[in-house]
Amino acid sequence: MLVHQILKGKKTDSIVTVKSTITVSEAARVLSEKRIGTVLVSDDGKSADGILSERDIVRNLGRVGSGCLEGKVGDYMTRKLVTCTMQTTAQELLEKMTTGRFRHVPVMDGDAVIGLVSLGDVVKAQLTELEMEKEALEGMIMGH
């Protein structure tokens, strides 16, 4: 299964962006209100400048203390992004996520962000694919 097939099953407004100049506290509020685990950091609303996850916030709370909440997202975001394209396979994506120990990957078309895929999205797609394969094999065995 390819990333473009995974994105078909997601809402089109699934990319939530924030500017690097807002505070970590404001970003945490967005995460909470949207019930999501990651925001893409983009000052122009199109490119990916970085990513900030709930894990990034918790790590910095532990490392720096509550003062990080008033710091700027740009100071705490992950700048070196691991991205994928519409043609990346689900298996490649799972390997990247497992190796890098992260749960969200921006989908790029050149320099433009066109989607965001979560580990849950990939697992769901893999399970759907396995179910379809199972049904096809059962159909072949039963002579359908």
Protein backbone atom coordinates (compact mmCIF):
# COMPACT_ATOMS: atom_id res chain seq x y z
CA MET A 1 0.00 0.00 0.00
CA LEU A 2 1.23 3.49 -0.87
CA VAL A 3 0.95 6.74 1.10
CA HIS A 4 -1.48 8.23 -1.43
CA GLN A 5 -3.87 5.36 -0.64
CA ILE A 6 -3.51 5.99 3.09
CA LEU A 7 -4.25 9.70 2.64
CA LYS A 8 -7.49 8.91 0.78
CA GLY A 9 -8.96 7.64 4.04
CA LYS A 10 -8.08 10.78 6.00
CA LYS A 11 -9.90 14.07 6.33
CA THR A 12 -8.49 16.72 4.02
CA ASP A 13 -8.04 19.15 6.91
CA SER A 14 -5.82 16.74 8.83
CA ILE A 15 -2.75 19.00 8.71
CA VAL A 16 -2.69 21.39 11.64
CA THR A 17 0.03 24.03 11.41
CA VAL A 18 1.35 26.61 13.82
CA LYS A 19 3.91 29.36 13.42
CA SER A 20 7.33 28.99 15.02
CA THR A 21 6.80 32.25 16.92
CA ILE A 22 3.90 31.08 19.12
CA THR A 23 4.61 29.77 22.60
CA VAL A 24 4.84 26.10 23.43
CA SER A 25 1.88 26.65 25.75
CA GLU A 26 -0.21 27.93 22.83
CA ALA A 27 0.86 24.92 20.73
CA ALA A 28 -0.11 22.58 23.60
CA ARG A 29 -3.54 24.24 23.65
CA VAL A 30 -3.94 23.53 19.91
CA LEU A 31 -2.94 19.89 20.45
CA SER A 32 -5.48 19.59 23.25
CA GLU A 33 -8.34 21.33 21.42
CA LYS A 34 -7.81 19.31 18.23
CA ARG A 35 -7.15 16.08 20.14
CA ILE A 36 -3.99 15.42 18.13
CA GLY A 37 -0.41 14.49 19.00
CA THR A 38 1.54 16.68 16.58
CA VAL A 39 1.47 20.05 14.88
CA LEU A 40 3.44 20.93 11.80
CA VAL A 41 5.43 24.13 12.18
CA SER A 42 5.13 26.33 9.12
CA ASP A 43 5.59 30.07 9.04
CA ASP A 44 4.20 30.37 5.50
CA GLY A 45 1.47 27.70 5.84
CA LYS A 46 2.90 25.63 2.96
CA SER A 47 6.42 24.48 3.75
CA ALA A 48 7.55 22.38 6.68
CA ASP A 49 9.88 24.27 8.99
CA GLY A 50 9.62 21.67 11.74
CA ILE A 51 7.30 19.52 13.79
CA LEU A 52 6.29 19.69 17.45
CA SER A 53 4.78 16.70 19.21
CA GLU A 54 3.36 16.15 22.65
CA ARG A 55 6.45 14.03 23.31
CA ASP A 56 8.69 17.01 22.48
CA ILE A 57 6.80 19.11 25.00
CA VAL A 58 7.01 16.47 27.75
CA ARG A 59 10.73 15.89 27.12
CA ASN A 60 11.42 19.61 27.42
CA LEU A 61 9.30 19.92 30.54
CA GLY A 62 11.47 17.22 32.08
CA ARG A 63 14.72 18.72 30.82
CA VAL A 64 14.11 22.46 31.19
CA GLY A 65 11.10 22.71 33.50
CA SER A 66 7.84 24.58 33.10
CA GLY A 67 9.64 27.63 31.71
CA CYS A 68 9.73 25.93 28.32
CA LEU A 69 5.97 26.49 28.05
CA GLU A 70 6.58 30.21 27.53
CA GLY A 71 9.37 29.54 25.04
CA LYS A 72 8.81 29.76 21.29
CA VAL A 73 7.86 26.65 19.33
CA GLY A 74 10.81 27.35 17.02
CA ASP A 75 13.18 26.78 19.93
CA TYR A 76 11.75 23.35 20.80
CA MET A 77 10.52 21.87 17.51
CA THR A 78 12.24 19.08 15.63
CA ARG A 79 13.92 20.80 12.69
CA LYS A 80 15.40 17.80 10.90
CA LEU A 81 12.26 16.27 9.46
CA VAL A 82 11.91 12.79 8.10
CA THR A 83 9.39 13.04 5.28
CA CYS A 84 7.82 10.84 2.65
CA THR A 85 6.10 11.19 -0.71
CA MET A 86 2.82 9.93 -2.10
CA GLN A 87 4.71 6.95 -3.58
CA THR A 88 6.33 5.81 -0.32
CA THR A 89 5.12 2.37 0.72
CA ALA A 90 3.48 1.70 4.07
CA GLN A 91 6.30 -0.74 4.86
CA GLU A 92 8.97 1.92 4.20
CA LEU A 93 7.05 4.33 6.40
CA LEU A 94 6.77 1.82 9.25
CA GLU A 95 10.51 1.21 9.06
CA LYS A 96 11.27 4.96 9.19
CA MET A 97 8.93 5.48 12.13
CA THR A 98 10.23 2.48 14.06
CA THR A 99 13.88 3.32 13.47
CA GLY A 100 13.42 7.02 14.25
CA ARG A 101 11.03 6.41 17.16
CA PHE A 102 8.44 8.94 16.00
CA ARG A 103 4.76 8.71 15.14
CA HIS A 104 4.10 11.35 12.47
CA VAL A 105 5.58 11.94 9.01
CA PRO A 106 4.84 14.88 6.72
CA VAL A 107 3.97 13.94 3.13
CA MET A 108 5.73 16.20 0.66
CA ASP A 109 5.28 17.19 -2.97
CA GLY A 110 8.53 19.00 -3.65
CA ASP A 111 8.74 21.68 -0.94
CA ALA A 112 4.99 21.70 -0.22
CA VAL A 113 3.40 19.70 2.58
CA ILE A 114 0.36 17.85 1.23
CA GLY A 115 -0.43 15.56 4.14
CA LEU A 116 0.57 14.16 7.50
CA VAL A 117 0.54 10.43 8.18
CA SER A 118 0.49 8.99 11.69
CA LEU A 119 1.61 5.58 12.87
CA GLY A 120 -2.05 4.80 13.54
CA ASP A 121 -2.92 5.65 9.92
CA VAL A 122 -0.26 3.24 8.64
CA VAL A 123 -1.28 0.44 11.00
CA LYS A 124 -4.95 0.87 10.05
CA ALA A 125 -4.04 0.72 6.35
CA GLN A 126 -1.93 -2.40 6.88
CA LEU A 127 -4.77 -4.11 8.77
CA THR A 128 -7.24 -3.22 6.02
CA GLU A 129 -4.88 -4.63 3.39
CA LEU A 130 -4.41 -7.84 5.39
CA GLU A 131 -8.18 -8.26 5.74
CA MET A 132 -8.66 -7.84 1.98
CA GLU A 133 -5.93 -10.41 1.29
CA LYS A 134 -7.52 -12.82 3.78
CA GLU A 135 -10.93 -12.46 2.13
CA ALA A 136 -9.41 -12.98 -1.34
CA LEU A 137 -7.61 -16.14 -0.20
CA GLU A 138 -10.75 -17.47 1.47
CA GLY A 139 -12.66 -16.78 -1.74
CA MET A 140 -10.08 -18.69 -3.78
CA ILE A 141 -10.15 -21.62 -1.36
CA MET A 142 -13.96 -21.73 -1.32
CA GLY A 143 -14.03 -21.48 -5.12
CA HIS A 144 -15.70 -18.02 -5.35
